[in-house]
Amino acid sequence: MGLLCHAEHVDCLNYISEHDEIFRYFELKEGAVCENNKKDTSILYFLLTGEIAISGNSCFLNVVGENQILLIPPKSKLVIQVLKDSSFIQCSFKEQLNLCNCFPLTNLKPYSTKANYDFTSLPITAQLQTFLAGMELYLKEGMFCRYFLELKKKELFFLFKAFYRKEDLATFFIFLIGKDLDFKRFVINNYQNIKSIDEFAQLSNSSVSTFTRRFKDHFGESVHQWILNQKANKIYYEIKLSGKSFQEIANNYDFSSQAHFNRFCKSKYGKAPSEMRKENSNAEILIK
């Protein structure tokens, strides 16, 4: 049928463009690569159909299928690689939201049992599928009224509260409700440029003992082990989904030799780099 009185909607003060969206529907073709650069915005991606690989400074090489929700917190550097034709609804917000008028997100803290800030997805329930089907229709018809979309955003968070366990929500939203988020974001934004724990502690204006104790409280493991795990995740991503040679990857991560690199892969992944890449031989390499 289409949106009636289109000019009236467009001329309204509450009408917003797709580039200033609260909700947005979009599709990406297999092989597409896109980056998230919204430093001050949290984004919920509802993957309606398809399959993607997601990697960045908050997560590494997570393959996500249809009917899943992803949360991208502020200041995240993120790359999405489309493994199968995919369709999404995106919800963006800068403010701290409530699940309802009486239950702010921060009330989920007691339900969180995880010390780590691991990337996780949330399944789309049947109730949320109905909501998203309606949103897809409204967005395709051009319903970009700010007042309407703000109401739908409140409805979305009511549905989270009504149809998801608080423990699952606490795990999913941990990037937004976790204690001392400034410290966590400081670590995520700086660890790739740090050469030693002493340098890390100095940059955070604290002693080494204070920094290492605080780090373990928030990430659940030592600084050394956490950084080693991030390195392993990034290497895994480059072996599986990049077109880089093994020698180039080894050089980029300061391995002393190809043999050293091979030993690292076997100890971390149980396989040599050539075996890992062979598993992806039928898949398109997305990043050159």
Protein backbone atom coordinates (compact mmCIF):
# COMPACT_ATOMS: atom_id res chain seq x y z
CA MET A 1 0.00 0.00 0.00
CA GLY A 2 2.83 2.41 0.82
CA LEU A 3 3.11 5.33 3.23
CA LEU A 4 0.18 7.75 2.85
CA CYS A 5 0.71 11.53 2.93
CA HIS A 6 4.45 11.04 2.37
CA ALA A 7 5.20 14.76 2.08
CA GLU A 8 3.47 15.41 5.39
CA HIS A 9 5.73 12.88 7.11
CA VAL A 10 8.92 14.16 5.47
CA ASP A 11 8.17 17.80 6.35
CA CYS A 12 7.44 17.00 10.02
CA LEU A 13 10.03 18.13 12.60
CA ASN A 14 10.10 14.57 13.98
CA TYR A 15 11.07 13.04 10.62
CA ILE A 16 14.67 11.81 10.53
CA SER A 17 16.87 10.66 7.67
CA GLU A 18 18.20 7.11 7.34
CA HIS A 19 21.65 8.51 8.16
CA ASP A 20 20.44 9.66 11.59
CA GLU A 21 18.57 6.47 12.24
CA ILE A 22 17.26 4.96 15.46
CA PHE A 23 16.18 1.84 13.55
CA ARG A 24 17.37 0.83 10.11
CA TYR A 25 16.75 -2.15 7.81
CA PHE A 26 19.47 -3.16 5.35
CA GLU A 27 20.77 -6.09 3.34
CA LEU A 28 24.32 -7.18 2.48
CA LYS A 29 25.43 -9.59 -0.22
CA GLU A 30 27.80 -12.52 0.31
CA GLY A 31 31.40 -11.34 0.27
CA ALA A 32 30.58 -7.82 1.48
CA VAL A 33 32.75 -6.31 4.22
CA CYS A 34 31.69 -3.36 6.35
CA GLU A 35 33.12 -1.58 9.38
CA ASN A 36 31.49 0.04 12.39
CA ASN A 37 32.93 3.49 13.16
CA LYS A 38 30.35 4.91 15.59
CA LYS A 39 32.53 5.69 18.59
CA ASP A 40 29.85 7.10 20.89
CA THR A 41 26.95 4.82 19.96
CA SER A 42 25.81 1.36 21.05
CA ILE A 43 24.28 -0.73 18.26
CA LEU A 44 22.03 -3.78 18.34
CA TYR A 45 22.16 -5.84 15.13
CA PHE A 46 19.28 -8.24 14.58
CA LEU A 47 20.45 -10.76 11.99
CA LEU A 48 17.21 -11.84 10.32
CA THR A 49 18.68 -14.05 7.59
CA GLY A 50 22.12 -15.17 6.47
CA GLU A 51 25.46 -15.70 8.19
CA ILE A 52 28.32 -13.35 9.10
CA ALA A 53 31.79 -13.42 10.64
CA ILE A 54 32.40 -10.62 13.10
CA SER A 55 35.78 -9.49 14.43
CA GLY A 56 37.23 -6.46 16.18
CA ASN A 57 38.69 -5.15 19.41
CA SER A 58 35.79 -6.56 21.47
CA CYS A 59 35.65 -9.96 19.77
CA PHE A 60 37.52 -12.09 17.25
CA LEU A 61 36.20 -14.36 14.53
CA ASN A 62 32.76 -15.14 15.82
CA VAL A 63 30.54 -16.71 13.16
CA VAL A 64 26.91 -15.78 13.73
CA GLY A 65 23.87 -17.24 11.97
CA GLU A 66 20.34 -15.98 11.38
CA ASN A 67 17.88 -15.16 14.18
CA GLN A 68 20.62 -13.86 16.46
CA ILE A 69 21.15 -10.47 18.14
CA LEU A 70 24.56 -8.80 18.43
CA LEU A 71 25.49 -5.91 20.70
CA ILE A 72 28.24 -3.57 19.55
CA PRO A 73 29.28 -1.31 22.46
CA PRO A 74 30.65 2.23 22.05
CA LYS A 75 34.24 2.69 20.86
CA SER A 76 34.31 -0.76 19.28
CA LYS A 77 36.33 -1.22 16.12
CA LEU A 78 34.41 -3.85 14.26
CA VAL A 79 34.53 -5.62 10.90
CA ILE A 80 31.54 -7.62 9.61
CA GLN A 81 32.18 -10.07 6.79
CA VAL A 82 29.13 -11.54 5.08
CA LEU A 83 29.43 -15.30 4.57
CA LYS A 84 25.89 -15.68 3.16
CA ASP A 85 23.45 -13.06 1.84
CA SER A 86 22.15 -11.39 4.99
CA SER A 87 19.42 -9.01 6.15
CA PHE A 88 19.50 -6.94 9.33
CA ILE A 89 17.59 -4.55 11.49
CA GLN A 90 19.83 -2.16 13.37
CA CYS A 91 18.91 -0.25 16.54
CA SER A 92 21.27 2.56 17.65
CA PHE A 93 21.30 4.35 20.99
CA LYS A 94 23.63 6.63 22.94
CA GLU A 95 21.75 6.86 26.20
CA GLN A 96 21.62 4.25 28.95
CA LEU A 97 18.29 2.49 28.42
CA ASN A 98 15.82 0.89 30.80
CA LEU A 99 14.18 -2.47 30.34
CA CYS A 100 11.07 -0.73 31.68
CA ASN A 101 10.29 2.39 33.71
CA CYS A 102 11.06 0.53 36.93
CA PHE A 103 14.04 -1.56 35.81
CA PRO A 104 17.20 0.15 34.43
CA LEU A 105 19.77 -2.01 32.67
CA THR A 106 22.16 -1.60 35.58
CA ASN A 107 19.75 -3.64 37.73
CA LEU A 108 20.99 -6.69 35.79
CA LYS A 109 24.40 -6.53 37.51
CA PRO A 110 23.51 -9.02 40.30
CA TYR A 111 22.50 -11.57 37.65
CA SER A 112 25.88 -11.53 35.90
CA THR A 113 28.09 -14.51 36.74
CA LYS A 114 30.84 -13.72 34.21
CA ALA A 115 34.02 -11.87 35.07
CA ASN A 116 35.10 -11.75 31.42
CA TYR A 117 33.91 -9.32 28.77
CA ASP A 118 33.37 -11.95 26.09
CA PHE A 119 31.42 -11.36 22.93
CA THR A 120 28.13 -13.24 22.90
CA SER A 121 24.94 -13.25 20.85
CA LEU A 122 21.32 -13.64 21.94
CA PRO A 123 18.71 -15.70 20.07
CA ILE A 124 15.66 -13.94 18.64
CA THR A 125 12.56 -15.31 20.37
CA ALA A 126 9.22 -15.89 18.64
CA GLN A 127 7.82 -12.77 20.32
CA LEU A 128 10.73 -10.67 19.09
CA GLN A 129 10.38 -12.10 15.58
CA THR A 130 6.85 -10.68 15.47
CA PHE A 131 8.13 -7.28 16.58
CA LEU A 132 10.95 -7.32 14.00
CA ALA A 133 8.61 -8.35 11.18
CA GLY A 134 6.58 -5.24 11.91
CA MET A 135 9.70 -3.07 12.09
CA GLU A 136 10.93 -4.39 8.75
CA LEU A 137 7.61 -3.41 7.16
CA TYR A 138 7.58 0.08 8.75
CA LEU A 139 11.18 0.82 7.76
CA LYS A 140 10.74 -0.37 4.18
CA GLU A 141 7.72 1.93 3.91
CA GLY A 142 9.75 4.91 5.14
CA MET A 143 8.34 5.33 8.65
CA PHE A 144 11.21 7.44 10.01
CA CYS A 145 9.25 9.43 12.58
CA ARG A 146 11.52 10.00 15.59
CA TYR A 147 8.60 9.91 18.05
CA PHE A 148 7.33 6.60 16.61
CA LEU A 149 10.79 4.98 16.54
CA GLU A 150 11.58 6.06 20.11
CA LEU A 151 8.34 4.38 21.23
CA LYS A 152 9.32 1.21 19.31
CA LYS A 153 12.72 1.25 21.01
CA LYS A 154 11.00 1.32 24.41
CA GLU A 155 8.77 -1.53 23.26
CA LEU A 156 11.84 -3.51 22.20
CA PHE A 157 13.36 -3.27 25.68
CA PHE A 158 10.05 -4.17 27.30
CA LEU A 159 10.16 -7.35 25.19
CA PHE A 160 13.69 -8.08 26.37
CA LYS A 161 12.47 -7.90 29.97
CA ALA A 162 9.33 -9.94 29.32
CA PHE A 163 10.74 -12.81 27.25
CA TYR A 164 14.41 -13.28 28.25
CA ARG A 165 15.97 -14.61 31.43
CA LYS A 166 17.74 -11.91 33.45
CA GLU A 167 20.88 -14.07 33.57
CA ASP A 168 20.99 -14.18 29.75
CA LEU A 169 20.39 -10.43 29.48
CA ALA A 170 23.14 -9.74 32.02
CA THR A 171 25.61 -11.75 29.96
CA PHE A 172 24.50 -10.11 26.71
CA PHE A 173 24.62 -6.53 28.03
CA ILE A 174 27.74 -6.95 30.16
CA PHE A 175 29.60 -4.35 28.07
CA LEU A 176 27.00 -1.77 29.19
CA ILE A 177 26.44 -2.82 32.79
CA GLY A 178 29.83 -4.19 33.84
CA LYS A 179 31.65 -2.51 36.71
CA ASP A 180 34.29 0.11 35.92
CA LEU A 181 33.58 0.30 32.19
CA ASP A 182 36.13 3.09 31.72
CA PHE A 183 38.91 0.72 32.78
CA LYS A 184 37.66 -2.02 30.47
CA ARG A 185 37.44 0.38 27.53
CA PHE A 186 40.91 1.71 28.33
CA VAL A 187 42.31 -1.83 28.07
CA ILE A 188 40.43 -2.67 24.85
CA ASN A 189 41.51 0.56 23.17
CA ASN A 190 45.19 0.38 24.13
CA TYR A 191 46.40 -3.20 24.50
CA GLN A 192 47.49 -3.54 20.86
CA ASN A 193 49.94 -0.63 21.24
CA ILE A 194 51.49 -1.77 24.52
CA LYS A 195 54.83 -3.61 24.65
CA SER A 196 54.94 -4.54 28.35
CA ILE A 197 52.85 -4.71 31.52
CA ASP A 198 55.01 -1.93 33.00
CA GLU A 199 54.06 0.33 30.08
CA PHE A 200 50.39 -0.62 30.47
CA ALA A 201 50.45 0.24 34.18
CA GLN A 202 52.25 3.53 33.54
CA LEU A 203 49.71 4.53 30.90
CA SER A 204 46.89 3.85 33.40
CA ASN A 205 48.65 5.98 36.05
CA SER A 206 48.92 3.12 38.52
CA SER A 207 51.58 0.80 39.92
CA VAL A 208 52.17 -2.58 38.29
CA SER A 209 50.73 -4.44 41.29
CA THR A 210 47.59 -2.27 41.38
CA PHE A 211 47.10 -2.54 37.62
CA THR A 212 47.52 -6.34 37.50
CA ARG A 213 45.17 -6.84 40.47
CA ARG A 214 42.55 -4.54 38.94
CA PHE A 215 42.94 -6.23 35.56
CA LYS A 216 42.31 -9.70 36.97
CA ASP A 217 39.28 -8.45 38.90
CA HIS A 218 37.69 -7.21 35.68
CA PHE A 219 38.86 -9.71 33.06
CA GLY A 220 39.14 -12.88 35.13
CA GLU A 221 42.73 -13.71 34.12
CA SER A 222 46.24 -12.27 34.18
CA VAL A 223 47.32 -9.47 31.83
CA HIS A 224 49.80 -11.77 30.09
CA GLN A 225 47.27 -14.59 29.54
CA TRP A 226 44.56 -12.22 28.33
CA ILE A 227 46.85 -10.50 25.80
CA LEU A 228 48.09 -13.90 24.62
CA ASN A 229 44.49 -14.99 24.06
CA GLN A 230 43.73 -11.83 22.07
CA LYS A 231 46.80 -12.47 19.94
CA ALA A 232 45.72 -16.07 19.38
CA ASN A 233 42.23 -14.96 18.34
CA LYS A 234 43.59 -12.43 15.86
CA ILE A 235 46.01 -14.95 14.36
CA TYR A 236 43.20 -17.49 14.06
CA TYR A 237 41.12 -14.90 12.19
CA GLU A 238 43.96 -14.06 9.79
CA ILE A 239 44.72 -17.71 9.05
CA LYS A 240 41.09 -18.60 8.43
CA LEU A 241 39.75 -15.53 6.65
CA SER A 242 42.63 -13.51 5.24
CA GLY A 243 44.68 -14.00 2.10
CA LYS A 244 47.95 -13.26 3.89
CA SER A 245 50.80 -15.73 3.60
CA PHE A 246 51.82 -17.62 6.73
CA GLN A 247 55.22 -15.90 6.62
CA GLU A 248 53.53 -12.48 6.57
CA ILE A 249 51.33 -13.38 9.55
CA ALA A 250 54.34 -14.76 11.45
CA ASN A 251 56.30 -11.56 10.79
CA ASN A 252 53.39 -9.32 11.80
CA TYR A 253 53.17 -11.03 15.19
CA ASP A 254 56.93 -11.12 15.82
CA PHE A 255 57.51 -14.87 15.61
CA SER A 256 61.21 -15.63 15.33
CA SER A 257 60.69 -18.19 12.57
CA GLN A 258 58.07 -20.09 10.59
CA ALA A 259 58.77 -23.12 12.80
CA HIS A 260 58.03 -21.03 15.90
CA PHE A 261 54.76 -19.89 14.31
CA ASN A 262 53.80 -23.49 13.48
CA ARG A 263 54.48 -24.62 17.06
CA PHE A 264 52.34 -21.78 18.39
CA CYS A 265 49.42 -22.79 16.15
CA LYS A 266 49.66 -26.45 17.10
CA SER A 267 49.73 -25.61 20.82
CA LYS A 268 46.82 -23.14 20.59
CA TYR A 269 44.56 -24.67 17.93
CA GLY A 270 45.79 -28.27 17.74
CA LYS A 271 46.59 -27.89 14.03
CA ALA A 272 49.23 -26.45 11.72
CA PRO A 273 48.32 -23.23 9.83
CA SER A 274 48.08 -25.13 6.52
CA GLU A 275 45.53 -27.55 8.01
CA MET A 276 43.44 -24.68 9.37
CA ARG A 277 43.35 -22.84 6.07
CA LYS A 278 42.56 -26.03 4.17
CA GLU A 279 39.33 -26.26 6.19
CA ASN A 280 38.34 -23.00 4.51
CA SER A 281 39.51 -24.02 1.03
CA ASN A 282 35.96 -23.97 -0.33
CA ALA A 283 35.16 -20.60 1.21
CA GLU A 284 35.96 -17.23 -0.31
CA ILE A 285 38.79 -15.29 1.32
CA LEU A 286 37.16 -12.02 2.32
CA ILE A 287 40.07 -9.87 3.52
CA LYS A 288 43.19 -9.43 1.42
